[in-house]
Amino acid sequence: MPERQPVLVLISEDPRASHRANEAMRIALGIVAGETPVDIVLAGPAVHLLDEDTDDLVDGDDIAKFRAALKKLAVPFHVEEGAPPADPSWNADGHPVAPITPDGIAALVAKARRFLVF
C-alpha cells in the first residue's frame, strides 16, 4: 500500500494578535485525529504558539490544550529557521520541533496532498 500523502498546515499568523493561529492548530489536531498524516510548519511570528506563557496569546488556554494533544500524538512542529525567539522559556514543554529552511518548506509542499495556510 503506498504511503499516504500528508496534509500541510502552514501557520504564519501571530498568536499574540490573531485567533487564526489557534484555529490552524485546532484544525491540524482534528486532521491528525482522523488518522491523516499532517505536517505543521510554524513560520515567522507563529513560532509564538510554543511560548511557555500563553497569557499573552489570543486563545492561550486553547493553544495550551491543543499543543499538549499534538505532543501526546508525537506530531512535531517544523519551525522556520531563524524564527524562534532567543528566550530560554520558548518551547519549555519540550514539544518536538524540527528546524526547516525555505527549501524544506517547498519540499513539504511538493509532497503534500492538501494545504491549509493561515
PDB file of N, CA and C in Angstrom:
ATOM      1  N   MET A   1       0.849  -1.176   0.000  1.00  0.00           N
ATOM      2  CA  MET A   1       0.000   0.000   0.000  1.00  0.00           C
ATOM      3  C   MET A   1       0.894   1.239   0.000  1.00  0.00           C
ATOM      4  N   PRO A   2       0.676   2.194  -0.896  1.00  0.00           N
ATOM      5  CA  PRO A   2       1.507   3.393  -0.950  1.00  0.00           C
ATOM      6  C   PRO A   2       1.321   4.259   0.294  1.00  0.00           C
ATOM      7  N   GLU A   3       2.383   4.978   0.642  1.00  0.00           N
ATOM      8  CA  GLU A   3       2.323   5.882   1.785  1.00  0.00           C
ATOM      9  C   GLU A   3       1.317   6.997   1.506  1.00  0.00           C
ATOM     10  N   ARG A   4       0.509   7.300   2.521  1.00  0.00           N
ATOM     11  CA  ARG A   4      -0.490   8.368   2.353  1.00  0.00           C
ATOM     12  C   ARG A   4       0.193   9.725   2.380  1.00  0.00           C
ATOM     13  N   GLN A   5      -0.210  10.588   1.472  1.00  0.00           N
ATOM     14  CA  GLN A   5       0.351  11.925   1.428  1.00  0.00           C
ATOM     15  C   GLN A   5      -0.204  12.756   2.586  1.00  0.00           C
ATOM     16  N   PRO A   6       0.665  13.531   3.235  1.00  0.00           N
ATOM     17  CA  PRO A   6       0.196  14.329   4.368  1.00  0.00           C
ATOM     18  C   PRO A   6      -0.536  15.593   3.924  1.00  0.00           C
ATOM     19  N   VAL A   7      -1.245  16.161   4.856  1.00  0.00           N
ATOM     20  CA  VAL A   7      -1.827  17.490   4.703  1.00  0.00           C
ATOM     21  C   VAL A   7      -0.812  18.457   5.314  1.00  0.00           C
ATOM     22  N   LEU A   8      -0.546  19.550   4.634  1.00  0.00           N
ATOM     23  CA  LEU A   8       0.382  20.555   5.139  1.00  0.00           C
ATOM     24  C   LEU A   8      -0.412  21.700   5.751  1.00  0.00           C
ATOM     25  N   VAL A   9      -0.110  22.015   7.003  1.00  0.00           N
ATOM     26  CA  VAL A   9      -0.711  23.161   7.678  1.00  0.00           C
ATOM     27  C   VAL A   9       0.415  24.163   7.905  1.00  0.00           C
ATOM     28  N   LEU A  10       0.383  25.256   7.180  1.00  0.00           N
ATOM     29  CA  LEU A  10       1.402  26.302   7.270  1.00  0.00           C
ATOM     30  C   LEU A  10       0.809  27.471   8.038  1.00  0.00           C
ATOM     31  N   ILE A  11       1.399  27.759   9.194  1.00  0.00           N
ATOM     32  CA  ILE A  11       0.872  28.814  10.065  1.00  0.00           C
ATOM     33  C   ILE A  11       1.898  29.942  10.124  1.00  0.00           C
ATOM     34  N   SER A  12       1.472  31.142   9.757  1.00  0.00           N
ATOM     35  CA  SER A  12       2.345  32.312   9.866  1.00  0.00           C
ATOM     36  C   SER A  12       1.683  33.449  10.649  1.00  0.00           C
ATOM     37  N   GLU A  13       0.447  33.236  11.052  1.00  0.00           N
ATOM     38  CA  GLU A  13      -0.271  34.250  11.840  1.00  0.00           C
ATOM     39  C   GLU A  13       0.351  34.370  13.235  1.00  0.00           C
ATOM     40  N   ASP A  14       0.317  35.567  13.784  1.00  0.00           N
ATOM     41  CA  ASP A  14       0.868  35.834  15.110  1.00  0.00           C
ATOM     42  C   ASP A  14      -0.188  35.516  16.168  1.00  0.00           C
ATOM     43  N   PRO A  15       0.037  34.500  17.014  1.00  0.00           N
ATOM     44  CA  PRO A  15      -0.968  34.144  18.025  1.00  0.00           C
ATOM     45  C   PRO A  15      -1.116  35.184  19.128  1.00  0.00           C
ATOM     46  N   ARG A  16      -0.238  36.179  19.148  1.00  0.00           N
ATOM     47  CA  ARG A  16      -0.371  37.269  20.123  1.00  0.00           C
ATOM     48  C   ARG A  16      -1.379  38.305  19.645  1.00  0.00           C
ATOM     49  N   ALA A  17      -1.736  38.239  18.339  1.00  0.00           N
ATOM     50  CA  ALA A  17      -2.614  39.253  17.768  1.00  0.00           C
ATOM     51  C   ALA A  17      -3.841  38.693  17.065  1.00  0.00           C
ATOM     52  N   SER A  18      -3.846  37.394  16.763  1.00  0.00           N
ATOM     53  CA  SER A  18      -4.934  36.833  15.961  1.00  0.00           C
ATOM     54  C   SER A  18      -5.331  35.450  16.475  1.00  0.00           C
ATOM     55  N   HIS A  19      -6.616  35.165  16.404  1.00  0.00           N
ATOM     56  CA  HIS A  19      -7.111  33.843  16.775  1.00  0.00           C
ATOM     57  C   HIS A  19      -6.846  32.810  15.676  1.00  0.00           C
ATOM     58  N   ARG A  20      -6.436  33.264  14.487  1.00  0.00           N
ATOM     59  CA  ARG A  20      -6.253  32.355  13.349  1.00  0.00           C
ATOM     60  C   ARG A  20      -5.157  31.320  13.596  1.00  0.00           C
ATOM     61  N   ALA A  21      -4.113  31.668  14.342  1.00  0.00           N
ATOM     62  CA  ALA A  21      -3.051  30.699  14.642  1.00  0.00           C
ATOM     63  C   ALA A  21      -3.607  29.553  15.479  1.00  0.00           C
ATOM     64  N   ASN A  22      -4.435  29.879  16.461  1.00  0.00           N
ATOM     65  CA  ASN A  22      -5.084  28.850  17.283  1.00  0.00           C
ATOM     66  C   ASN A  22      -6.002  27.981  16.434  1.00  0.00           C
ATOM     67  N   GLU A  23      -6.765  28.598  15.554  1.00  0.00           N
ATOM     68  CA  GLU A  23      -7.678  27.835  14.695  1.00  0.00           C
ATOM     69  C   GLU A  23      -6.909  26.877  13.790  1.00  0.00           C
ATOM     70  N   ALA A  24      -5.780  27.321  13.289  1.00  0.00           N
ATOM     71  CA  ALA A  24      -4.960  26.459  12.436  1.00  0.00           C
ATOM     72  C   ALA A  24      -4.473  25.243  13.219  1.00  0.00           C
ATOM     73  N   MET A  25      -4.035  25.464  14.456  1.00  0.00           N
ATOM     74  CA  MET A  25      -3.575  24.346  15.281  1.00  0.00           C
ATOM     75  C   MET A  25      -4.733  23.405  15.603  1.00  0.00           C
ATOM     76  N   ARG A  26      -5.904  23.959  15.893  1.00  0.00           N
ATOM     77  CA  ARG A  26      -7.083  23.141  16.188  1.00  0.00           C
ATOM     78  C   ARG A  26      -7.454  22.271  14.980  1.00  0.00           C
ATOM     79  N   ILE A  27      -7.427  22.856  13.807  1.00  0.00           N
ATOM     80  CA  ILE A  27      -7.749  22.108  12.592  1.00  0.00           C
ATOM     81  C   ILE A  27      -6.714  21.009  12.355  1.00  0.00           C
ATOM     82  N   ALA A  28      -5.437  21.325  12.551  1.00  0.00           N
ATOM     83  CA  ALA A  28      -4.378  20.313  12.386  1.00  0.00           C
ATOM     84  C   ALA A  28      -4.609  19.144  13.337  1.00  0.00           C
ATOM     85  N   LEU A  29      -4.979  19.433  14.562  1.00  0.00           N
ATOM     86  CA  LEU A  29      -5.255  18.371  15.531  1.00  0.00           C
ATOM     87  C   LEU A  29      -6.433  17.519  15.073  1.00  0.00           C
ATOM     88  N   GLY A  30      -7.462  18.137  14.549  1.00  0.00           N
ATOM     89  CA  GLY A  30      -8.620  17.393  14.052  1.00  0.00           C
ATOM     90  C   GLY A  30      -8.258  16.482  12.893  1.00  0.00           C
ATOM     91  N   ILE A  31      -7.383  16.944  12.025  1.00  0.00           N
ATOM     92  CA  ILE A  31      -6.959  16.118  10.894  1.00  0.00           C
ATOM     93  C   ILE A  31      -6.157  14.926  11.384  1.00  0.00           C
ATOM     94  N   VAL A  32      -5.248  15.164  12.323  1.00  0.00           N
ATOM     95  CA  VAL A  32      -4.447  14.075  12.893  1.00  0.00           C
ATOM     96  C   VAL A  32      -5.350  13.060  13.583  1.00  0.00           C
ATOM     97  N   ALA A  33      -6.362  13.542  14.289  1.00  0.00           N
ATOM     98  CA  ALA A  33      -7.279  12.639  14.994  1.00  0.00           C
ATOM     99  C   ALA A  33      -8.026  11.747  14.008  1.00  0.00           C
ATOM    100  N   GLY A  34      -8.192  12.217  12.789  1.00  0.00           N
ATOM    101  CA  GLY A  34      -8.828  11.413  11.751  1.00  0.00           C
ATOM    102  C   GLY A  34      -7.854  10.467  11.081  1.00  0.00           C
ATOM    103  N   GLU A  35      -6.662  10.352  11.633  1.00  0.00           N
ATOM    104  CA  GLU A  35      -5.628   9.422  11.185  1.00  0.00           C
ATOM    105  C   GLU A  35      -5.053   9.770   9.814  1.00  0.00           C
ATOM    106  N   THR A  36      -5.099  11.035   9.472  1.00  0.00           N
ATOM    107  CA  THR A  36      -4.445  11.520   8.261  1.00  0.00           C
ATOM    108  C   THR A  36      -3.131  12.145   8.685  1.00  0.00           C
ATOM    109  N   PRO A  37      -2.027  11.812   8.038  1.00  0.00           N
ATOM    110  CA  PRO A  37      -0.754  12.431   8.416  1.00  0.00           C
ATOM    111  C   PRO A  37      -0.774  13.933   8.140  1.00  0.00           C
ATOM    112  N   VAL A  38      -0.133  14.689   9.037  1.00  0.00           N
ATOM    113  CA  VAL A  38      -0.104  16.141   8.937  1.00  0.00           C
ATOM    114  C   VAL A  38       1.317  16.633   9.175  1.00  0.00           C
ATOM    115  N   ASP A  39       1.742  17.579   8.356  1.00  0.00           N
ATOM    116  CA  ASP A  39       2.974  18.322   8.599  1.00  0.00           C
ATOM    117  C   ASP A  39       2.553  19.726   9.004  1.00  0.00           C
ATOM    118  N   ILE A  40       3.062  20.199  10.149  1.00  0.00           N
ATOM    119  CA  ILE A  40       2.740  21.539  10.636  1.00  0.00           C
ATOM    120  C   ILE A  40       4.007  22.381  10.565  1.00  0.00           C
ATOM    121  N   VAL A  41       3.907  23.515   9.884  1.00  0.00           N
ATOM    122  CA  VAL A  41       5.026  24.442   9.779  1.00  0.00           C
ATOM    123  C   VAL A  41       4.644  25.736  10.502  1.00  0.00           C
ATOM    124  N   LEU A  42       5.527  26.172  11.400  1.00  0.00           N
ATOM    125  CA  LEU A  42       5.365  27.465  12.064  1.00  0.00           C
ATOM    126  C   LEU A  42       6.365  28.424  11.436  1.00  0.00           C
ATOM    127  N   ALA A  43       5.866  29.465  10.803  1.00  0.00           N
ATOM    128  CA  ALA A  43       6.718  30.434  10.134  1.00  0.00           C
ATOM    129  C   ALA A  43       6.553  31.807  10.782  1.00  0.00           C
ATOM    130  N   GLY A  44       7.635  32.552  10.832  1.00  0.00           N
ATOM    131  CA  GLY A  44       7.577  33.911  11.369  1.00  0.00           C
ATOM    132  C   GLY A  44       7.022  33.942  12.781  1.00  0.00           C
ATOM    133  N   PRO A  45       6.085  34.871  13.041  1.00  0.00           N
ATOM    134  CA  PRO A  45       5.578  35.038  14.410  1.00  0.00           C
ATOM    135  C   PRO A  45       4.739  33.869  14.924  1.00  0.00           C
ATOM    136  N   ALA A  46       4.387  32.940  14.057  1.00  0.00           N
ATOM    137  CA  ALA A  46       3.617  31.772  14.517  1.00  0.00           C
ATOM    138  C   ALA A  46       4.411  30.913  15.495  1.00  0.00           C
ATOM    139  N   VAL A  47       5.725  31.083  15.539  1.00  0.00           N
ATOM    140  CA  VAL A  47       6.526  30.305  16.491  1.00  0.00           C
ATOM    141  C   VAL A  47       6.114  30.598  17.928  1.00  0.00           C
ATOM    142  N   HIS A  48       5.416  31.707  18.142  1.00  0.00           N
ATOM    143  CA  HIS A  48       4.960  32.039  19.499  1.00  0.00           C
ATOM    144  C   HIS A  48       3.868  31.086  19.982  1.00  0.00           C
ATOM    145  N   LEU A  49       3.374  30.230  19.110  1.00  0.00           N
ATOM    146  CA  LEU A  49       2.456  29.176  19.564  1.00  0.00           C
ATOM    147  C   LEU A  49       3.136  28.263  20.583  1.00  0.00           C
ATOM    148  N   LEU A  50       4.468  28.255  20.596  1.00  0.00           N
ATOM    149  CA  LEU A  50       5.212  27.421  21.534  1.00  0.00           C
ATOM    150  C   LEU A  50       5.750  28.203  22.730  1.00  0.00           C
ATOM    151  N   ASP A  51       5.307  29.446  22.903  1.00  0.00           N
ATOM    152  CA  ASP A  51       5.715  30.225  24.070  1.00  0.00           C
ATOM    153  C   ASP A  51       5.231  29.541  25.343  1.00  0.00           C
ATOM    154  N   GLU A  52       6.070  29.560  26.360  1.00  0.00           N
ATOM    155  CA  GLU A  52       5.689  28.944  27.631  1.00  0.00           C
ATOM    156  C   GLU A  52       4.475  29.650  28.240  1.00  0.00           C
ATOM    157  N   ASP A  53       4.528  30.977  28.301  1.00  0.00           N
ATOM    158  CA  ASP A  53       3.446  31.762  28.888  1.00  0.00           C
ATOM    159  C   ASP A  53       2.397  32.042  27.818  1.00  0.00           C
ATOM    160  N   THR A  54       1.249  31.400  27.941  1.00  0.00           N
ATOM    161  CA  THR A  54       0.199  31.581  26.942  1.00  0.00           C
ATOM    162  C   THR A  54      -0.768  32.717  27.303  1.00  0.00           C
ATOM    163  N   ASP A  55      -0.506  33.421  28.421  1.00  0.00           N
ATOM    164  CA  ASP A  55      -1.393  34.512  28.834  1.00  0.00           C
ATOM    165  C   ASP A  55      -1.445  35.646  27.812  1.00  0.00           C
ATOM    166  N   ASP A  56      -0.349  35.862  27.095  1.00  0.00           N
ATOM    167  CA  ASP A  56      -0.305  36.945  26.120  1.00  0.00           C
ATOM    168  C   ASP A  56      -0.784  36.520  24.738  1.00  0.00           C
ATOM    169  N   LEU A  57      -1.227  35.272  24.606  1.00  0.00           N
ATOM    170  CA  LEU A  57      -1.682  34.769  23.318  1.00  0.00           C
ATOM    171  C   LEU A  57      -3.207  34.813  23.241  1.00  0.00           C
ATOM    172  N   VAL A  58      -3.719  35.166  22.072  1.00  0.00           N
ATOM    173  CA  VAL A  58      -5.166  35.108  21.849  1.00  0.00           C
ATOM    174  C   VAL A  58      -5.552  33.628  21.959  1.00  0.00           C
ATOM    175  N   ASP A  59      -6.562  33.309  22.728  1.00  0.00           N
ATOM    176  CA  ASP A  59      -6.991  31.919  22.926  1.00  0.00           C
ATOM    177  C   ASP A  59      -5.897  31.071  23.579  1.00  0.00           C
ATOM    178  N   GLY A  60      -5.132  31.659  24.487  1.00  0.00           N
ATOM    179  CA  GLY A  60      -3.993  30.981  25.109  1.00  0.00           C
ATOM    180  C   GLY A  60      -4.326  29.656  25.780  1.00  0.00           C
ATOM    181  N   ASP A  61      -5.467  29.573  26.470  1.00  0.00           N
ATOM    182  CA  ASP A  61      -5.827  28.317  27.131  1.00  0.00           C
ATOM    183  C   ASP A  61      -6.062  27.209  26.112  1.00  0.00           C
ATOM    184  N   ASP A  62      -6.730  27.541  25.020  1.00  0.00           N
ATOM    185  CA  ASP A  62      -6.964  26.547  23.973  1.00  0.00           C
ATOM    186  C   ASP A  62      -5.650  26.137  23.315  1.00  0.00           C
ATOM    187  N   ILE A  63      -4.784  27.098  23.084  1.00  0.00           N
ATOM    188  CA  ILE A  63      -3.487  26.793  22.478  1.00  0.00           C
ATOM    189  C   ILE A  63      -2.734  25.789  23.328  1.00  0.00           C
ATOM    190  N   ALA A  64      -2.719  25.987  24.632  1.00  0.00           N
ATOM    191  CA  ALA A  64      -2.017  25.060  25.528  1.00  0.00           C
ATOM    192  C   ALA A  64      -2.608  23.659  25.428  1.00  0.00           C
ATOM    193  N   LYS A  65      -3.935  23.551  25.352  1.00  0.00           N
ATOM    194  CA  LYS A  65      -4.587  22.232  25.238  1.00  0.00           C
ATOM    195  C   LYS A  65      -4.261  21.559  23.909  1.00  0.00           C
ATOM    196  N   PHE A  66      -4.383  22.294  22.819  1.00  0.00           N
ATOM    197  CA  PHE A  66      -4.126  21.708  21.505  1.00  0.00           C
ATOM    198  C   PHE A  66      -2.654  21.320  21.363  1.00  0.00           C
ATOM    199  N   ARG A  67      -1.785  22.163  21.882  1.00  0.00           N
ATOM    200  CA  ARG A  67      -0.348  21.884  21.839  1.00  0.00           C
ATOM    201  C   ARG A  67      -0.030  20.603  22.606  1.00  0.00           C
ATOM    202  N   ALA A  68      -0.627  20.447  23.780  1.00  0.00           N
ATOM    203  CA  ALA A  68      -0.401  19.238  24.583  1.00  0.00           C
ATOM    204  C   ALA A  68      -0.910  17.995  23.870  1.00  0.00           C
ATOM    205  N   ALA A  69      -2.060  18.107  23.222  1.00  0.00           N
ATOM    206  CA  ALA A  69      -2.615  16.956  22.494  1.00  0.00           C
ATOM    207  C   ALA A  69      -1.720  16.572  21.325  1.00  0.00           C
ATOM    208  N   LEU A  70      -1.208  17.559  20.592  1.00  0.00           N
ATOM    209  CA  LEU A  70      -0.303  17.264  19.478  1.00  0.00           C
ATOM    210  C   LEU A  70       0.993  16.636  19.969  1.00  0.00           C
ATOM    211  N   LYS A  71       1.475  17.092  21.126  1.00  0.00           N
ATOM    212  CA  LYS A  71       2.692  16.499  21.703  1.00  0.00           C
ATOM    213  C   LYS A  71       2.439  15.044  22.070  1.00  0.00           C
ATOM    214  N   LYS A  72       1.289  14.775  22.684  1.00  0.00           N
ATOM    215  CA  LYS A  72       0.940  13.409  23.074  1.00  0.00           C
ATOM    216  C   LYS A  72       0.868  12.492  21.849  1.00  0.00           C
ATOM    217  N   LEU A  73       0.438  13.037  20.727  1.00  0.00           N
ATOM    218  CA  LEU A  73       0.348  12.272  19.490  1.00  0.00           C
ATOM    219  C   LEU A  73       1.677  12.247  18.722  1.00  0.00           C
ATOM    220  N   ALA A  74       2.713  12.863  19.315  1.00  0.00           N
ATOM    221  CA  ALA A  74       4.065  12.911  18.733  1.00  0.00           C
ATOM    222  C   ALA A  74       4.095  13.594  17.370  1.00  0.00           C
ATOM    223  N   VAL A  75       3.305  14.641  17.222  1.00  0.00           N
ATOM    224  CA  VAL A  75       3.302  15.425  15.985  1.00  0.00           C
ATOM    225  C   VAL A  75       4.297  16.570  16.163  1.00  0.00           C
ATOM    226  N   PRO A  76       5.381  16.563  15.403  1.00  0.00           N
ATOM    227  CA  PRO A  76       6.370  17.646  15.545  1.00  0.00           C
ATOM    228  C   PRO A  76       5.924  18.905  14.817  1.00  0.00           C
ATOM    229  N   PHE A  77       6.504  20.021  15.224  1.00  0.00           N
ATOM    230  CA  PHE A  77       6.341  21.270  14.502  1.00  0.00           C
ATOM    231  C   PHE A  77       7.615  21.504  13.698  1.00  0.00           C
ATOM    232  N   HIS A  78       7.454  21.809  12.421  1.00  0.00           N
ATOM    233  CA  HIS A  78       8.581  22.255  11.606  1.00  0.00           C
ATOM    234  C   HIS A  78       8.638  23.763  11.815  1.00  0.00           C
ATOM    235  N   VAL A  79       9.768  24.242  12.326  1.00  0.00           N
ATOM    236  CA  VAL A  79       9.888  25.649  12.693  1.00  0.00           C
ATOM    237  C   VAL A  79      10.885  26.334  11.764  1.00  0.00           C
ATOM    238  N   GLU A  80      10.430  27.407  11.144  1.00  0.00           N
ATOM    239  CA  GLU A  80      11.265  28.153  10.212  1.00  0.00           C
ATOM    240  C   GLU A  80      12.561  28.580  10.893  1.00  0.00           C
ATOM    241  N   GLU A  81      13.679  28.254  10.254  1.00  0.00           N
ATOM    242  CA  GLU A  81      14.974  28.631  10.804  1.00  0.00           C
ATOM    243  C   GLU A  81      15.050  30.137  11.015  1.00  0.00           C
ATOM    244  N   GLY A  82      15.590  30.520  12.153  1.00  0.00           N
ATOM    245  CA  GLY A  82      15.742  31.933  12.480  1.00  0.00           C
ATOM    246  C   GLY A  82      14.522  32.574  13.105  1.00  0.00           C
ATOM    247  N   ALA A  83      13.399  31.898  13.132  1.00  0.00           N
ATOM    248  CA  ALA A  83      12.168  32.489  13.667  1.00  0.00           C
ATOM    249  C   ALA A  83      12.017  32.345  15.184  1.00  0.00           C
ATOM    250  N   PRO A  84      12.523  31.264  15.816  1.00  0.00           N
ATOM    251  CA  PRO A  84      12.324  31.135  17.261  1.00  0.00           C
ATOM    252  C   PRO A  84      12.988  32.262  18.047  1.00  0.00           C
ATOM    253  N   PRO A  85      12.310  32.745  19.078  1.00  0.00           N
ATOM    254  CA  PRO A  85      12.906  33.798  19.907  1.00  0.00           C
ATOM    255  C   PRO A  85      14.074  33.233  20.724  1.00  0.00           C
ATOM    256  N   ALA A  86      14.949  34.116  21.157  1.00  0.00           N
ATOM    257  CA  ALA A  86      16.105  33.705  21.967  1.00  0.00           C
ATOM    258  C   ALA A  86      15.710  33.393  23.407  1.00  0.00           C
ATOM    259  N   ASP A  87      14.498  33.714  23.789  1.00  0.00           N
ATOM    260  CA  ASP A  87      14.011  33.494  25.153  1.00  0.00           C
ATOM    261  C   ASP A  87      14.138  32.023  25.536  1.00  0.00           C
ATOM    262  N   PRO A  88      14.841  31.721  26.639  1.00  0.00           N
ATOM    263  CA  PRO A  88      15.019  30.318  27.033  1.00  0.00           C
ATOM    264  C   PRO A  88      13.716  29.618  27.434  1.00  0.00           C
ATOM    265  N   SER A  89      12.661  30.376  27.690  1.00  0.00           N
ATOM    266  CA  SER A  89      11.392  29.742  28.057  1.00  0.00           C
ATOM    267  C   SER A  89      10.579  29.328  26.833  1.00  0.00           C
ATOM    268  N   TRP A  90      11.075  29.678  25.625  1.00  0.00           N
ATOM    269  CA  TRP A  90      10.367  29.268  24.418  1.00  0.00           C
ATOM    270  C   TRP A  90      10.418  27.751  24.317  1.00  0.00           C
ATOM    271  N   ASN A  91       9.305  27.136  24.041  1.00  0.00           N
ATOM    272  CA  ASN A  91       9.152  25.687  23.936  1.00  0.00           C
ATOM    273  C   ASN A  91       9.591  24.984  25.220  1.00  0.00           C
ATOM    274  N   ALA A  92       9.225  25.560  26.344  1.00  0.00           N
ATOM    275  CA  ALA A  92       9.579  24.989  27.648  1.00  0.00           C
ATOM    276  C   ALA A  92       8.964  23.608  27.853  1.00  0.00           C
ATOM    277  N   ASP A  93       7.864  23.314  27.162  1.00  0.00           N
ATOM    278  CA  ASP A  93       7.229  21.997  27.284  1.00  0.00           C
ATOM    279  C   ASP A  93       7.975  20.927  26.506  1.00  0.00           C
ATOM    280  N   GLY A  94       8.972  21.328  25.743  1.00  0.00           N
ATOM    281  CA  GLY A  94       9.777  20.362  25.002  1.00  0.00           C
ATOM    282  C   GLY A  94       9.038  19.692  23.864  1.00  0.00           C
ATOM    283  N   HIS A  95       8.164  20.441  23.222  1.00  0.00           N
ATOM    284  CA  HIS A  95       7.449  19.877  22.073  1.00  0.00           C
ATOM    285  C   HIS A  95       8.468  19.548  20.993  1.00  0.00           C
ATOM    286  N   PRO A  96       8.329  18.423  20.316  1.00  0.00           N
ATOM    287  CA  PRO A  96       9.292  18.108  19.262  1.00  0.00           C
ATOM    288  C   PRO A  96       9.233  19.136  18.133  1.00  0.00           C
ATOM    289  N   VAL A  97      10.399  19.699  17.820  1.00  0.00           N
ATOM    290  CA  VAL A  97      10.497  20.668  16.734  1.00  0.00           C
ATOM    291  C   VAL A  97      11.623  20.255  15.795  1.00  0.00           C
ATOM    292  N   ALA A  98      11.461  20.628  14.553  1.00  0.00           N
ATOM    293  CA  ALA A  98      12.478  20.377  13.544  1.00  0.00           C
ATOM    294  C   ALA A  98      12.692  21.676  12.783  1.00  0.00           C
ATOM    295  N   PRO A  99      13.901  22.219  12.802  1.00  0.00           N
ATOM    296  CA  PRO A  99      14.149  23.427  12.026  1.00  0.00           C
ATOM    297  C   PRO A  99      13.953  23.145  10.538  1.00  0.00           C
ATOM    298  N   ILE A 100      13.448  24.152   9.833  1.00  0.00           N
ATOM    299  CA  ILE A 100      13.203  23.956   8.408  1.00  0.00           C
ATOM    300  C   ILE A 100      13.561  25.223   7.633  1.00  0.00           C
ATOM    301  N   THR A 101      14.158  25.032   6.492  1.00  0.00           N
ATOM    302  CA  THR A 101      14.545  26.123   5.606  1.00  0.00           C
ATOM    303  C   THR A 101      13.418  26.376   4.606  1.00  0.00           C
ATOM    304  N   PRO A 102      13.499  27.477   3.870  1.00  0.00           N
ATOM    305  CA  PRO A 102      12.511  27.681   2.802  1.00  0.00           C
ATOM    306  C   PRO A 102      12.491  26.529   1.795  1.00  0.00           C
ATOM    307  N   ASP A 103      13.661  25.973   1.469  1.00  0.00           N
ATOM    308  CA  ASP A 103      13.697  24.821   0.560  1.00  0.00           C
ATOM    309  C   ASP A 103      13.005  23.613   1.183  1.00  0.00           C
ATOM    310  N   GLY A 104      13.153  23.458   2.488  1.00  0.00           N
ATOM    311  CA  GLY A 104      12.479  22.365   3.183  1.00  0.00           C
ATOM    312  C   GLY A 104      10.972  22.529   3.161  1.00  0.00           C
ATOM    313  N   ILE A 105      10.515  23.771   3.313  1.00  0.00           N
ATOM    314  CA  ILE A 105       9.072  24.047   3.231  1.00  0.00           C
ATOM    315  C   ILE A 105       8.572  23.708   1.833  1.00  0.00           C
ATOM    316  N   ALA A 106       9.338  24.091   0.827  1.00  0.00           N
ATOM    317  CA  ALA A 106       8.954  23.785  -0.553  1.00  0.00           C
ATOM    318  C   ALA A 106       8.863  22.274  -0.771  1.00  0.00           C
ATOM    319  N   ALA A 107       9.761  21.525  -0.157  1.00  0.00           N
ATOM    320  CA  ALA A 107       9.722  20.063  -0.282  1.00  0.00           C
ATOM    321  C   ALA A 107       8.464  19.493   0.375  1.00  0.00           C
ATOM    322  N   LEU A 108       8.054  20.063   1.514  1.00  0.00           N
ATOM    323  CA  LEU A 108       6.820  19.609   2.160  1.00  0.00           C
ATOM    324  C   LEU A 108       5.611  19.922   1.282  1.00  0.00           C
ATOM    325  N   VAL A 109       5.631  21.084   0.650  1.00  0.00           N
ATOM    326  CA  VAL A 109       4.538  21.450  -0.254  1.00  0.00           C
ATOM    327  C   VAL A 109       4.461  20.444  -1.403  1.00  0.00           C
ATOM    328  N   ALA A 110       5.617  20.073  -1.937  1.00  0.00           N
ATOM    329  CA  ALA A 110       5.649  19.164  -3.081  1.00  0.00           C
ATOM    330  C   ALA A 110       5.094  17.782  -2.749  1.00  0.00           C
ATOM    331  N   LYS A 111       5.235  17.343  -1.509  1.00  0.00           N
ATOM    332  CA  LYS A 111       4.756  16.008  -1.166  1.00  0.00           C
ATOM    333  C   LYS A 111       3.371  15.997  -0.516  1.00  0.00           C
ATOM    334  N   ALA A 112       2.822  17.190  -0.254  1.00  0.00           N
ATOM    335  CA  ALA A 112       1.517  17.264   0.421  1.00  0.00           C
ATOM    336  C   ALA A 112       0.365  17.014  -0.533  1.00  0.00           C
ATOM    337  N   ARG A 113      -0.695  16.475   0.024  1.00  0.00           N
ATOM    338  CA  ARG A 113      -1.907  16.216  -0.744  1.00  0.00           C
ATOM    339  C   ARG A 113      -2.847  17.421  -0.704  1.00  0.00           C
ATOM    340  N   ARG A 114      -2.909  18.095   0.432  1.00  0.00           N
ATOM    341  CA  ARG A 114      -3.763  19.264   0.634  1.00  0.00           C
ATOM    342  C   ARG A 114      -2.975  20.283   1.445  1.00  0.00           C
ATOM    343  N   PHE A 115      -3.439  21.539   1.408  1.00  0.00           N
ATOM    344  CA  PHE A 115      -2.760  22.624   2.106  1.00  0.00           C
ATOM    345  C   PHE A 115      -3.764  23.474   2.872  1.00  0.00           C
ATOM    346  N   LEU A 116      -3.363  23.868   4.050  1.00  0.00           N
ATOM    347  CA  LEU A 116      -4.102  24.877   4.812  1.00  0.00           C
ATOM    348  C   LEU A 116      -3.079  25.938   5.171  1.00  0.00           C
ATOM    349  N   VAL A 117      -3.331  27.156   4.778  1.00  0.00           N
ATOM    350  CA  VAL A 117      -2.388  28.237   5.020  1.00  0.00           C
ATOM    351  C   VAL A 117      -3.086  29.316   5.826  1.00  0.00           C
ATOM    352  N   PHE A 118      -2.487  29.637   6.967  1.00  0.00           N
ATOM    353  CA  PHE A 118      -3.043  30.662   7.854  1.00  0.00           C
ATOM    354  C   PHE A 118      -1.999  31.730   8.079  1.00  0.00           C
TER     355      PHE A 118
END
